[in-house]
Every structure is written in structure tokens, then in C-alpha cells.
Protein backbone atom coordinates (compact mmCIF):
# COMPACT_ATOMS: atom_id res chain seq x y z
CA MET A 1 57.88 128.14 141.72
CA SER A 2 55.36 130.61 140.34
CA ALA A 3 52.73 129.52 137.85
CA ASN A 4 54.51 131.55 135.16
CA ALA A 5 57.88 129.95 135.95
CA ALA A 6 56.27 126.52 135.86
CA ALA A 7 54.73 127.26 132.47
CA ILE A 8 58.04 128.51 131.11
CA ALA A 9 59.82 125.37 132.37
CA HIS A 10 57.11 123.13 130.93
CA PHE A 11 57.09 124.64 127.44
CA ALA A 12 60.88 124.94 127.27
CA ALA A 13 61.14 121.26 128.17
CA ARG A 14 58.63 120.31 125.47
CA LEU A 15 60.66 122.17 122.84
CA SER A 16 63.77 120.35 124.06
CA PHE A 17 62.19 116.95 123.53
CA GLU A 18 59.69 117.44 120.69
CA THR A 19 59.99 118.51 117.08
CA ASP A 20 57.44 118.76 114.29
CA VAL A 21 57.30 117.22 110.84
CA SER A 22 58.21 120.46 109.07
CA ASP A 23 61.39 120.85 111.11
CA VAL A 24 62.34 117.20 110.55
CA ALA A 25 61.75 117.56 106.80
CA ALA A 26 63.93 120.68 106.71
CA ASP A 27 66.69 118.94 108.68
CA LEU A 28 66.60 115.92 106.37
CA ALA A 29 66.61 118.14 103.27
CA THR A 30 69.72 119.94 104.49
CA ALA A 31 71.36 116.72 105.70
CA VAL A 32 71.84 117.87 109.29
CA THR A 33 74.85 116.01 110.65
CA GLY A 34 74.13 113.39 113.28
CA LEU A 35 70.35 113.28 112.80
CA VAL A 36 68.76 109.82 112.70
CA VAL A 37 65.00 109.54 112.18
CA VAL A 38 63.59 106.29 113.56
CA ASP A 39 60.29 104.69 112.58
CA SER A 40 59.20 102.62 115.58
CA ARG A 41 56.23 100.91 113.88
CA SER A 42 55.83 97.30 112.77
CA ARG A 43 57.30 95.88 109.56
CA GLU A 44 53.84 95.92 107.96
CA SER A 45 53.39 99.59 108.79
CA TRP A 46 56.89 100.44 107.53
CA ASP A 47 56.17 98.61 104.27
CA GLN A 48 52.96 100.62 103.83
CA GLY A 49 55.09 103.77 103.75
CA HIS A 50 57.64 105.61 105.86
CA VAL A 51 59.64 108.82 106.09
CA ASP A 52 62.17 108.80 103.27
CA GLY A 53 65.55 108.41 104.94
CA ALA A 54 64.26 106.92 108.20
CA VAL A 55 65.66 103.84 109.94
CA HIS A 56 63.19 101.09 110.81
CA LEU A 57 63.57 100.02 114.43
CA PRO A 58 60.43 98.82 116.23
CA THR A 59 60.24 99.85 119.87
CA ALA A 60 60.58 96.28 121.17
CA GLU A 61 63.94 95.98 119.37
CA ILE A 62 65.51 99.31 120.39
CA ALA A 63 67.34 98.10 123.50
CA ALA A 64 68.95 95.19 121.64
CA ARG A 65 69.62 96.72 118.22
CA ALA A 66 70.08 100.49 118.62
CA PRO A 67 73.75 100.33 119.65
CA GLU A 68 74.64 98.46 116.43
CA LEU A 69 72.49 100.66 114.15
CA ILE A 70 72.60 104.18 115.62
CA PRO A 71 75.77 106.09 116.56
CA GLY A 72 75.86 106.99 120.25
CA ASP A 73 76.30 110.69 119.51
CA ALA A 74 73.31 110.88 117.14
CA LEU A 75 70.27 113.04 117.72
CA VAL A 76 67.47 110.50 117.37
CA VAL A 77 63.99 111.60 116.29
CA THR A 78 61.31 108.96 116.81
CA TYR A 79 57.93 108.69 115.14
CA CYS A 80 54.98 106.33 115.02
CA TRP A 81 51.54 106.62 113.40
CA GLY A 82 50.21 109.95 114.56
CA PRO A 83 48.98 112.18 117.35
CA GLY A 84 46.55 109.52 118.58
CA CYS A 85 49.41 107.08 119.19
CA ASN A 86 52.05 107.18 121.92
CA GLY A 87 54.39 104.75 120.18
CA ALA A 88 56.94 107.47 119.40
CA THR A 89 56.93 108.47 123.07
CA ARG A 90 57.64 104.88 124.13
CA ALA A 91 60.40 104.62 121.52
CA ALA A 92 61.92 107.92 122.66
CA LEU A 93 61.93 106.64 126.23
CA GLU A 94 63.83 103.51 125.15
CA PHE A 95 66.46 105.63 123.40
CA ALA A 96 66.73 107.93 126.43
CA LYS A 97 67.32 104.90 128.68
CA LEU A 98 70.26 103.99 126.41
CA GLY A 99 71.74 107.47 126.79
CA TYR A 100 70.82 108.88 123.37
CA ARG A 101 69.79 112.49 122.78
CA VAL A 102 66.24 112.04 121.55
CA LYS A 103 63.19 113.96 120.39
CA GLU A 104 59.71 112.85 119.44
CA MET A 105 58.29 113.95 116.08
CA ILE A 106 54.85 115.25 116.98
CA GLY A 107 52.16 114.49 114.44
CA GLY A 108 53.89 111.26 113.47
CA PHE A 109 53.67 109.63 110.09
CA GLU A 110 50.09 110.86 109.63
CA TYR A 111 51.12 114.51 109.59
CA TRP A 112 54.25 113.75 107.57
CA VAL A 113 51.96 112.43 104.82
CA ARG A 114 49.29 115.11 105.27
CA GLU A 115 51.88 117.88 104.91
CA GLY A 116 53.08 116.41 101.62
CA PHE A 117 56.58 115.26 102.57
CA PRO A 118 58.36 112.36 100.78
CA VAL A 119 57.02 108.89 101.57
CA ALA A 120 59.14 105.86 100.73
CA THR A 121 57.82 102.41 99.82
CA ALA A 122 59.21 99.44 97.93
CA SER A 123 57.81 101.09 94.78
CA GLY A 124 59.80 104.28 95.30
CA VAL A 125 59.31 107.72 96.80
CA THR A 126 56.03 109.60 96.40
CA ARG A 127 54.32 112.67 97.85
CA HIS A 128 50.67 113.01 98.75
CA PRO A 129 48.77 116.26 98.19
CA VAL A 130 49.11 118.75 101.04
CA ASP A 131 46.08 118.82 103.33
CA ALA A 132 45.20 122.51 103.72
CA LEU A 133 44.00 121.79 107.27
CA THR A 134 47.48 120.72 108.37
CA ALA A 135 49.83 122.92 106.39
CA PRO A 136 49.61 126.23 104.59
CA VAL A 137 49.43 126.28 100.82
CA ARG A 138 52.92 126.44 99.30
CA GLY A 139 54.27 129.96 99.36
CA ILE A 140 52.29 130.94 102.45
CA ALA A 141 54.04 130.83 105.81
CA CYS A 142 52.10 129.71 108.88
CA GLY A 143 53.87 132.35 110.94
CA CYS A 144 54.63 130.13 113.90
């Protein structure tokens, strides 16, 4: 395989198994059928705040509880804290072992918050200000 073919295969595979917070937010906003977003963090982390509409399922519980909570034909998107954490990768692996179609949300909860998307807590749903270093100002497209 040529270096170019290897690069094409690599990046195509990444796009098959990764998604970003903006795409997840758009899919949730349009209620994409069959999408289930899974927060794989601890109860304490979930309580601190989570993606509005996500299901809480810590990685250690996926094998035992996923079949009762998540339809087998769902597209599962996993997330954990952020880019410095591989918890979403471990959770995605557990779902893949069970036969689910799965993607990892790159950027995790950190970038969800930093890009100003809805955060749910026991007190309700809030939004944090958009961090200009992570997302363009509203009305400006990043062009990617």
C-alpha cells in the first residue's frame, strides 16, 4: 500500500469512528433517528453536568446494562471528559464488542461546554459562553 493510500485509509477510518461536538449537537437538535449519546463518566461527573439528552452509562457498566438501555440498532456516540482523556475510546470499544455501531465524540464534554452547547444538571439546562478559541463567533463559519 502506498503512503498516500495508507493516509486515505487512515483518515477515512477516523471519520467512520469519530464525530465532533458540533455534529453531535446538530444531530441532537434535529432528533436524528437512532442516535444515542452516552456519557461514560462517573455519577459525580454526570451530576456536575452532562450533554442534554445523553444517557448515563459508565464504562464499567456497559457490558451488563447496554442491552437493556440501548437499542441494538442504535448509533451510539460516546463521550468522556475531554481530549486529554481516553474514557470515550474505552467506552466505544465496549459498545463495539457488543456489536453496536459506535463513534467517539472527540473533544468530549470539555469541548461541548466550551462551544456553548446545552448542559444539563439537576438544576436545569444551561449554556456557557462560547470560547472563541474553540468555536467561531456565532454567524461565522469555521469553513471545515
